[in-house]
Each structure stands twice: as C-alpha cells, then as structure tokens.
C-alpha cells in the first residue's frame, strides 16, 4: 500500500484491479478487423503521461488510486497541495516506483519503459 501525506493526513493509494478498471475506462481504441469492438487502453496512457511528467495525469492517478480507500482526498485539497506544498519531483518518482512494484501495473510500466528506450535510441540514431 502506498500513501501520500497531505496537510498532515495520510491518504492510502491502491493500485489494484479497481484502479486498473477505472483507468482503462478512460480511453478505448478500435480493434482492426473487428467492427464495433474496442480495446480499453487508458492505463497505458495514464502511466505514459505520468512518465512524461504530466501533472494532470499525476493528479488523476492519485484520485483514482484513492477512490476505493478511506479517508478520501478531495480534489480541491489535492490540487492546492500539488500547487503549493508537494515535492512534485519526489511524488512523480514515488508513483512511478510504486507502478513498478504493484502486481497489477509492473508489467505495463516495464513494457512502456522498453518502448520509450527504443524510441529514444531510434531518435538518437536519426540525429547522427
């Protein structure tokens, strides 16, 4: 279990199946060759966005991961904390580290890191 402390209150974050379902609901893509069928891929996008340093994605991750837990953090309280008091760099690192350790997300983040490394290598070769 991962926790964040906001204004003296510990808020648990759970990256379980509920988190996966909620994240995946956010984005669907059509499946080639299967008219009307789609694949839910929101988790990949939200993790990619956090890897890219997107603060809105980080906020979404925290809210989704706290959704099934008690106490619940309020969005306005979280936003104020992110704007004024949070160590953003450390928070990004901690969330990414937890993605790597959580049983439900570790495979996805590993695959996304491999893709990012491959794309970086290709970009460097193209520049040379």
N, C-alpha and C. Protein backbone atom coordinates (compact mmCIF):
# COMPACT_ATOMS: atom_id res chain seq x y z
N UNK A 1 0.86 -1.18 0.00
CA UNK A 1 0.00 0.00 0.00
C UNK A 1 0.90 1.24 0.00
N UNK A 2 0.55 2.18 -0.80
CA UNK A 2 1.27 3.44 -0.93
C UNK A 2 0.42 4.53 -0.30
N UNK A 3 1.05 5.48 0.36
CA UNK A 3 0.31 6.58 0.98
C UNK A 3 0.97 7.91 0.62
N UNK A 4 0.15 8.93 0.59
CA UNK A 4 0.67 10.29 0.50
C UNK A 4 0.15 11.05 1.71
N UNK A 5 0.96 11.96 2.20
CA UNK A 5 0.55 12.76 3.34
C UNK A 5 0.27 14.16 2.84
N UNK A 6 -0.98 14.56 2.97
CA UNK A 6 -1.42 15.88 2.53
C UNK A 6 -1.94 16.63 3.75
N UNK A 7 -1.27 17.70 4.10
CA UNK A 7 -1.66 18.54 5.24
C UNK A 7 -1.84 17.74 6.52
N UNK A 8 -0.93 16.79 6.76
CA UNK A 8 -0.96 16.02 8.00
C UNK A 8 -1.86 14.81 7.99
N UNK A 9 -2.54 14.54 6.89
CA UNK A 9 -3.41 13.37 6.80
C UNK A 9 -2.82 12.38 5.80
N UNK A 10 -2.73 11.12 6.21
CA UNK A 10 -2.25 10.07 5.31
C UNK A 10 -3.42 9.56 4.48
N UNK A 11 -3.23 9.56 3.17
CA UNK A 11 -4.23 9.05 2.25
C UNK A 11 -3.66 7.82 1.55
N UNK A 12 -4.30 6.66 1.76
CA UNK A 12 -3.82 5.45 1.10
C UNK A 12 -4.16 5.46 -0.39
N UNK A 13 -3.24 4.91 -1.17
CA UNK A 13 -3.45 4.76 -2.61
C UNK A 13 -3.32 3.29 -2.94
N UNK A 14 -4.29 2.77 -3.66
CA UNK A 14 -4.31 1.35 -4.00
C UNK A 14 -4.34 1.21 -5.52
N UNK A 15 -3.31 0.56 -6.04
CA UNK A 15 -3.21 0.35 -7.48
C UNK A 15 -3.65 -1.09 -7.79
N UNK A 16 -4.89 -1.39 -7.44
CA UNK A 16 -5.44 -2.73 -7.63
C UNK A 16 -6.31 -2.79 -8.87
N UNK A 17 -7.13 -3.82 -8.93
CA UNK A 17 -7.99 -4.04 -10.09
C UNK A 17 -9.00 -2.91 -10.29
N UNK A 18 -9.51 -2.34 -9.20
CA UNK A 18 -10.43 -1.21 -9.33
C UNK A 18 -9.75 -0.03 -10.02
N UNK A 19 -8.51 0.24 -9.64
CA UNK A 19 -7.73 1.31 -10.28
C UNK A 19 -7.56 1.02 -11.77
N UNK A 20 -7.21 -0.23 -12.10
CA UNK A 20 -6.99 -0.62 -13.49
C UNK A 20 -8.28 -0.41 -14.30
N UNK A 21 -9.39 -0.88 -13.77
CA UNK A 21 -10.67 -0.74 -14.49
C UNK A 21 -11.02 0.72 -14.73
N UNK A 22 -10.86 1.54 -13.70
CA UNK A 22 -11.20 2.97 -13.84
C UNK A 22 -10.27 3.65 -14.83
N UNK A 23 -8.99 3.35 -14.78
CA UNK A 23 -8.03 3.96 -15.71
C UNK A 23 -8.33 3.50 -17.14
N UNK A 24 -8.58 2.22 -17.32
CA UNK A 24 -8.83 1.69 -18.66
C UNK A 24 -10.11 2.23 -19.28
N UNK A 25 -11.12 2.55 -18.48
CA UNK A 25 -12.38 3.08 -19.00
C UNK A 25 -12.19 4.40 -19.74
N UNK A 26 -11.15 5.11 -19.42
CA UNK A 26 -10.97 6.46 -19.93
C UNK A 26 -10.65 6.53 -21.42
N UNK A 27 -9.99 5.51 -21.95
CA UNK A 27 -9.63 5.54 -23.37
C UNK A 27 -9.83 4.16 -23.97
N UNK A 28 -10.53 4.12 -25.10
CA UNK A 28 -10.72 2.88 -25.87
C UNK A 28 -10.28 3.14 -27.30
N UNK A 29 -9.71 2.12 -27.92
CA UNK A 29 -9.32 2.23 -29.32
C UNK A 29 -9.99 1.10 -30.09
N UNK A 30 -10.35 1.36 -31.36
CA UNK A 30 -10.98 0.30 -32.16
C UNK A 30 -10.00 -0.83 -32.44
N UNK A 31 -10.54 -2.03 -32.56
CA UNK A 31 -9.73 -3.19 -32.89
C UNK A 31 -9.86 -3.42 -34.39
N UNK A 32 -8.72 -3.39 -35.09
CA UNK A 32 -8.72 -3.62 -36.54
C UNK A 32 -9.32 -4.98 -36.86
N UNK A 33 -10.18 -5.01 -37.84
CA UNK A 33 -10.78 -6.25 -38.29
C UNK A 33 -11.95 -6.73 -37.45
N UNK A 34 -12.32 -5.96 -36.45
CA UNK A 34 -13.45 -6.34 -35.59
C UNK A 34 -14.37 -5.13 -35.45
N UNK A 35 -15.24 -4.92 -36.45
CA UNK A 35 -16.12 -3.76 -36.42
C UNK A 35 -16.94 -3.68 -35.13
N UNK A 36 -16.96 -2.51 -34.55
CA UNK A 36 -17.73 -2.29 -33.33
C UNK A 36 -17.02 -2.71 -32.05
N UNK A 37 -15.89 -3.37 -32.18
CA UNK A 37 -15.15 -3.81 -30.99
C UNK A 37 -14.06 -2.81 -30.66
N UNK A 38 -13.77 -2.68 -29.38
CA UNK A 38 -12.71 -1.78 -28.97
C UNK A 38 -11.93 -2.39 -27.81
N UNK A 39 -10.77 -1.84 -27.60
CA UNK A 39 -9.90 -2.30 -26.52
C UNK A 39 -9.68 -1.13 -25.56
N UNK A 40 -9.84 -1.39 -24.28
CA UNK A 40 -9.65 -0.35 -23.27
C UNK A 40 -8.15 -0.24 -22.96
N UNK A 41 -7.60 0.97 -23.15
CA UNK A 41 -6.15 1.15 -23.02
C UNK A 41 -5.79 2.35 -22.13
N UNK A 42 -6.72 2.84 -21.35
CA UNK A 42 -6.47 4.02 -20.54
C UNK A 42 -5.29 3.90 -19.60
N UNK A 43 -5.06 2.70 -19.04
CA UNK A 43 -3.95 2.51 -18.12
C UNK A 43 -2.62 2.86 -18.79
N UNK A 44 -2.43 2.38 -20.00
CA UNK A 44 -1.18 2.66 -20.72
C UNK A 44 -0.98 4.16 -20.92
N UNK A 45 -2.06 4.84 -21.25
CA UNK A 45 -1.95 6.28 -21.48
C UNK A 45 -1.67 7.05 -20.19
N UNK A 46 -2.34 6.67 -19.11
CA UNK A 46 -2.14 7.42 -17.87
C UNK A 46 -0.73 7.19 -17.32
N UNK A 47 -0.23 5.95 -17.44
CA UNK A 47 1.14 5.68 -16.99
C UNK A 47 2.13 6.42 -17.87
N UNK A 48 1.91 6.40 -19.18
CA UNK A 48 2.79 7.13 -20.11
C UNK A 48 2.82 8.62 -19.78
N UNK A 49 1.65 9.17 -19.48
CA UNK A 49 1.59 10.59 -19.16
C UNK A 49 2.34 10.91 -17.87
N UNK A 50 2.24 10.04 -16.88
CA UNK A 50 3.00 10.25 -15.64
C UNK A 50 4.49 10.13 -15.93
N UNK A 51 4.88 9.17 -16.77
CA UNK A 51 6.29 9.04 -17.15
C UNK A 51 6.79 10.31 -17.84
N UNK A 52 5.90 10.98 -18.58
CA UNK A 52 6.25 12.21 -19.30
C UNK A 52 6.21 13.45 -18.40
N UNK A 53 5.81 13.27 -17.14
CA UNK A 53 5.79 14.40 -16.21
C UNK A 53 4.53 15.23 -16.25
N UNK A 54 3.43 14.65 -16.71
CA UNK A 54 2.15 15.36 -16.81
C UNK A 54 1.50 15.45 -15.43
N UNK A 55 1.42 16.66 -14.89
CA UNK A 55 0.89 16.88 -13.55
C UNK A 55 -0.60 16.53 -13.46
N UNK A 56 -1.37 16.76 -14.52
CA UNK A 56 -2.79 16.39 -14.50
C UNK A 56 -2.94 14.87 -14.42
N UNK A 57 -2.09 14.15 -15.12
CA UNK A 57 -2.14 12.69 -15.05
C UNK A 57 -1.77 12.21 -13.65
N UNK A 58 -0.80 12.86 -13.04
CA UNK A 58 -0.41 12.51 -11.67
C UNK A 58 -1.58 12.72 -10.72
N UNK A 59 -2.26 13.84 -10.88
CA UNK A 59 -3.44 14.11 -10.05
C UNK A 59 -4.51 13.03 -10.28
N UNK A 60 -4.76 12.69 -11.55
CA UNK A 60 -5.75 11.66 -11.87
C UNK A 60 -5.38 10.33 -11.23
N UNK A 61 -4.12 9.96 -11.30
CA UNK A 61 -3.66 8.70 -10.71
C UNK A 61 -3.92 8.69 -9.21
N UNK A 62 -3.59 9.78 -8.55
CA UNK A 62 -3.79 9.84 -7.10
C UNK A 62 -5.28 9.73 -6.76
N UNK A 63 -6.11 10.46 -7.48
CA UNK A 63 -7.56 10.40 -7.22
C UNK A 63 -8.12 9.02 -7.49
N UNK A 64 -7.71 8.40 -8.60
CA UNK A 64 -8.19 7.04 -8.92
C UNK A 64 -7.72 6.02 -7.90
N UNK A 65 -6.47 6.14 -7.48
CA UNK A 65 -5.90 5.16 -6.54
C UNK A 65 -6.48 5.32 -5.14
N UNK A 66 -7.01 6.48 -4.83
CA UNK A 66 -7.61 6.72 -3.52
C UNK A 66 -9.12 6.47 -3.52
N UNK A 67 -9.69 6.29 -4.70
CA UNK A 67 -11.15 6.19 -4.85
C UNK A 67 -11.78 5.09 -3.99
N UNK A 68 -11.12 3.97 -3.81
CA UNK A 68 -11.67 2.85 -3.04
C UNK A 68 -11.19 2.84 -1.59
N UNK A 69 -10.42 3.84 -1.21
CA UNK A 69 -9.78 3.84 0.11
C UNK A 69 -10.41 4.86 1.05
N UNK A 70 -10.05 4.75 2.31
CA UNK A 70 -10.51 5.68 3.34
C UNK A 70 -9.31 6.11 4.15
N UNK A 71 -9.15 7.41 4.43
CA UNK A 71 -10.00 8.52 4.04
C UNK A 71 -9.83 8.88 2.57
N UNK A 72 -10.81 9.57 2.03
CA UNK A 72 -10.79 10.01 0.64
C UNK A 72 -10.29 11.45 0.57
N UNK A 73 -9.41 11.67 -0.37
CA UNK A 73 -8.92 13.03 -0.56
C UNK A 73 -9.85 13.78 -1.50
N UNK A 74 -10.07 15.03 -1.20
CA UNK A 74 -10.92 15.87 -2.06
C UNK A 74 -10.05 16.47 -3.16
N UNK A 75 -10.62 16.57 -4.34
CA UNK A 75 -9.87 17.07 -5.49
C UNK A 75 -9.30 18.46 -5.24
N UNK A 76 -10.10 19.35 -4.67
CA UNK A 76 -9.60 20.71 -4.44
C UNK A 76 -8.46 20.74 -3.42
N UNK A 77 -8.52 19.88 -2.41
CA UNK A 77 -7.44 19.79 -1.43
C UNK A 77 -6.17 19.25 -2.09
N UNK A 78 -6.32 18.24 -2.93
CA UNK A 78 -5.17 17.67 -3.63
C UNK A 78 -4.55 18.71 -4.56
N UNK A 79 -5.39 19.44 -5.30
CA UNK A 79 -4.87 20.45 -6.23
C UNK A 79 -4.09 21.53 -5.49
N UNK A 80 -4.63 22.00 -4.40
CA UNK A 80 -3.94 23.03 -3.63
C UNK A 80 -2.59 22.51 -3.12
N UNK A 81 -2.58 21.28 -2.62
CA UNK A 81 -1.34 20.67 -2.13
C UNK A 81 -0.32 20.53 -3.25
N UNK A 82 -0.77 20.07 -4.42
CA UNK A 82 0.14 19.92 -5.56
C UNK A 82 0.70 21.28 -5.99
N UNK A 83 -0.13 22.30 -5.95
CA UNK A 83 0.29 23.64 -6.37
C UNK A 83 1.25 24.30 -5.38
N UNK A 84 1.05 24.04 -4.09
CA UNK A 84 1.76 24.82 -3.08
C UNK A 84 2.78 24.05 -2.24
N UNK A 85 2.50 22.81 -1.91
CA UNK A 85 3.32 22.16 -0.89
C UNK A 85 4.02 20.87 -1.31
N UNK A 86 3.53 20.19 -2.30
CA UNK A 86 4.08 18.88 -2.67
C UNK A 86 5.46 19.01 -3.28
N UNK A 87 6.31 18.04 -2.99
CA UNK A 87 7.58 17.93 -3.70
C UNK A 87 7.26 17.12 -4.96
N UNK A 88 6.98 17.82 -6.04
CA UNK A 88 6.47 17.20 -7.26
C UNK A 88 7.44 16.16 -7.82
N UNK A 89 8.72 16.49 -7.87
CA UNK A 89 9.69 15.55 -8.43
C UNK A 89 9.71 14.24 -7.65
N UNK A 90 9.71 14.34 -6.34
CA UNK A 90 9.70 13.15 -5.50
C UNK A 90 8.39 12.39 -5.66
N UNK A 91 7.29 13.10 -5.76
CA UNK A 91 5.99 12.45 -5.92
C UNK A 91 5.92 11.67 -7.23
N UNK A 92 6.40 12.28 -8.32
CA UNK A 92 6.45 11.55 -9.60
C UNK A 92 7.30 10.28 -9.45
N UNK A 93 8.47 10.40 -8.86
CA UNK A 93 9.35 9.24 -8.67
C UNK A 93 8.69 8.17 -7.83
N UNK A 94 8.03 8.58 -6.74
CA UNK A 94 7.38 7.62 -5.85
C UNK A 94 6.25 6.87 -6.56
N UNK A 95 5.43 7.60 -7.31
CA UNK A 95 4.31 6.96 -8.01
C UNK A 95 4.85 6.00 -9.08
N UNK A 96 5.84 6.42 -9.84
CA UNK A 96 6.42 5.53 -10.86
C UNK A 96 7.06 4.31 -10.22
N UNK A 97 7.72 4.51 -9.09
CA UNK A 97 8.31 3.38 -8.36
C UNK A 97 7.22 2.42 -7.90
N UNK A 98 6.11 2.95 -7.43
CA UNK A 98 5.03 2.08 -6.98
C UNK A 98 4.40 1.35 -8.16
N UNK A 99 4.29 2.02 -9.33
CA UNK A 99 3.81 1.33 -10.53
C UNK A 99 4.69 0.12 -10.83
N UNK A 100 6.00 0.28 -10.63
CA UNK A 100 6.93 -0.82 -10.90
C UNK A 100 6.78 -1.97 -9.91
N UNK A 101 6.33 -1.67 -8.71
CA UNK A 101 6.22 -2.69 -7.66
C UNK A 101 4.83 -3.33 -7.57
N UNK A 102 3.81 -2.58 -7.93
CA UNK A 102 2.44 -3.10 -7.79
C UNK A 102 2.22 -4.24 -8.79
N UNK A 103 1.68 -5.32 -8.32
CA UNK A 103 1.48 -6.50 -9.14
C UNK A 103 0.63 -6.22 -10.38
N UNK A 104 -0.32 -5.31 -10.26
CA UNK A 104 -1.24 -5.03 -11.35
C UNK A 104 -0.68 -4.09 -12.41
N UNK A 105 0.38 -3.36 -12.10
CA UNK A 105 0.90 -2.37 -13.05
C UNK A 105 2.35 -2.61 -13.47
N UNK A 106 3.07 -3.49 -12.79
CA UNK A 106 4.50 -3.63 -13.06
C UNK A 106 4.81 -4.10 -14.49
N UNK A 107 4.00 -4.94 -15.03
CA UNK A 107 4.23 -5.41 -16.40
C UNK A 107 4.01 -4.29 -17.42
N UNK A 108 2.96 -3.52 -17.22
CA UNK A 108 2.64 -2.42 -18.14
C UNK A 108 3.74 -1.38 -18.14
N UNK A 109 4.22 -0.99 -16.95
CA UNK A 109 5.25 0.05 -16.92
C UNK A 109 6.57 -0.48 -17.49
N UNK A 110 6.85 -1.74 -17.29
CA UNK A 110 8.06 -2.33 -17.87
C UNK A 110 8.00 -2.25 -19.40
N UNK A 111 6.86 -2.62 -19.98
CA UNK A 111 6.69 -2.56 -21.43
C UNK A 111 6.80 -1.12 -21.95
N UNK A 112 6.20 -0.18 -21.24
CA UNK A 112 6.24 1.22 -21.65
C UNK A 112 7.66 1.78 -21.57
N UNK A 113 8.42 1.38 -20.56
CA UNK A 113 9.81 1.82 -20.45
C UNK A 113 10.64 1.27 -21.60
N UNK A 114 10.39 0.02 -21.97
CA UNK A 114 11.13 -0.58 -23.10
C UNK A 114 10.82 0.17 -24.40
N UNK A 115 9.56 0.51 -24.60
CA UNK A 115 9.17 1.26 -25.80
C UNK A 115 9.84 2.64 -25.80
N UNK A 116 9.83 3.30 -24.65
CA UNK A 116 10.45 4.63 -24.55
C UNK A 116 11.95 4.56 -24.85
N UNK A 117 12.62 3.54 -24.32
CA UNK A 117 14.06 3.37 -24.59
C UNK A 117 14.31 3.13 -26.07
N UNK A 118 13.50 2.30 -26.70
CA UNK A 118 13.65 2.00 -28.11
C UNK A 118 13.45 3.28 -28.95
N UNK A 119 12.43 4.04 -28.62
CA UNK A 119 12.17 5.28 -29.36
C UNK A 119 13.29 6.30 -29.17
N UNK A 120 13.84 6.36 -27.98
CA UNK A 120 14.96 7.26 -27.71
C UNK A 120 16.18 6.86 -28.53
N UNK A 121 16.47 5.57 -28.55
CA UNK A 121 17.61 5.08 -29.35
C UNK A 121 17.41 5.39 -30.83
N UNK A 122 16.21 5.19 -31.34
CA UNK A 122 15.93 5.47 -32.74
C UNK A 122 16.08 6.96 -33.05
N UNK A 123 15.64 7.79 -32.13
CA UNK A 123 15.75 9.25 -32.33
C UNK A 123 17.23 9.68 -32.33
N UNK A 124 18.01 9.08 -31.45
CA UNK A 124 19.44 9.41 -31.40
C UNK A 124 20.15 8.97 -32.67
N UNK A 125 19.78 7.82 -33.19
CA UNK A 125 20.39 7.33 -34.44
C UNK A 125 20.01 8.23 -35.61
N UNK A 126 18.78 8.71 -35.61
CA UNK A 126 18.32 9.58 -36.69
C UNK A 126 19.05 10.93 -36.68
N UNK A 127 19.41 11.39 -35.49
CA UNK A 127 20.13 12.65 -35.37
C UNK A 127 21.57 12.54 -35.82
N UNK A 128 22.13 11.35 -35.72
CA UNK A 128 23.56 11.16 -36.05
C UNK A 128 23.84 11.17 -37.53
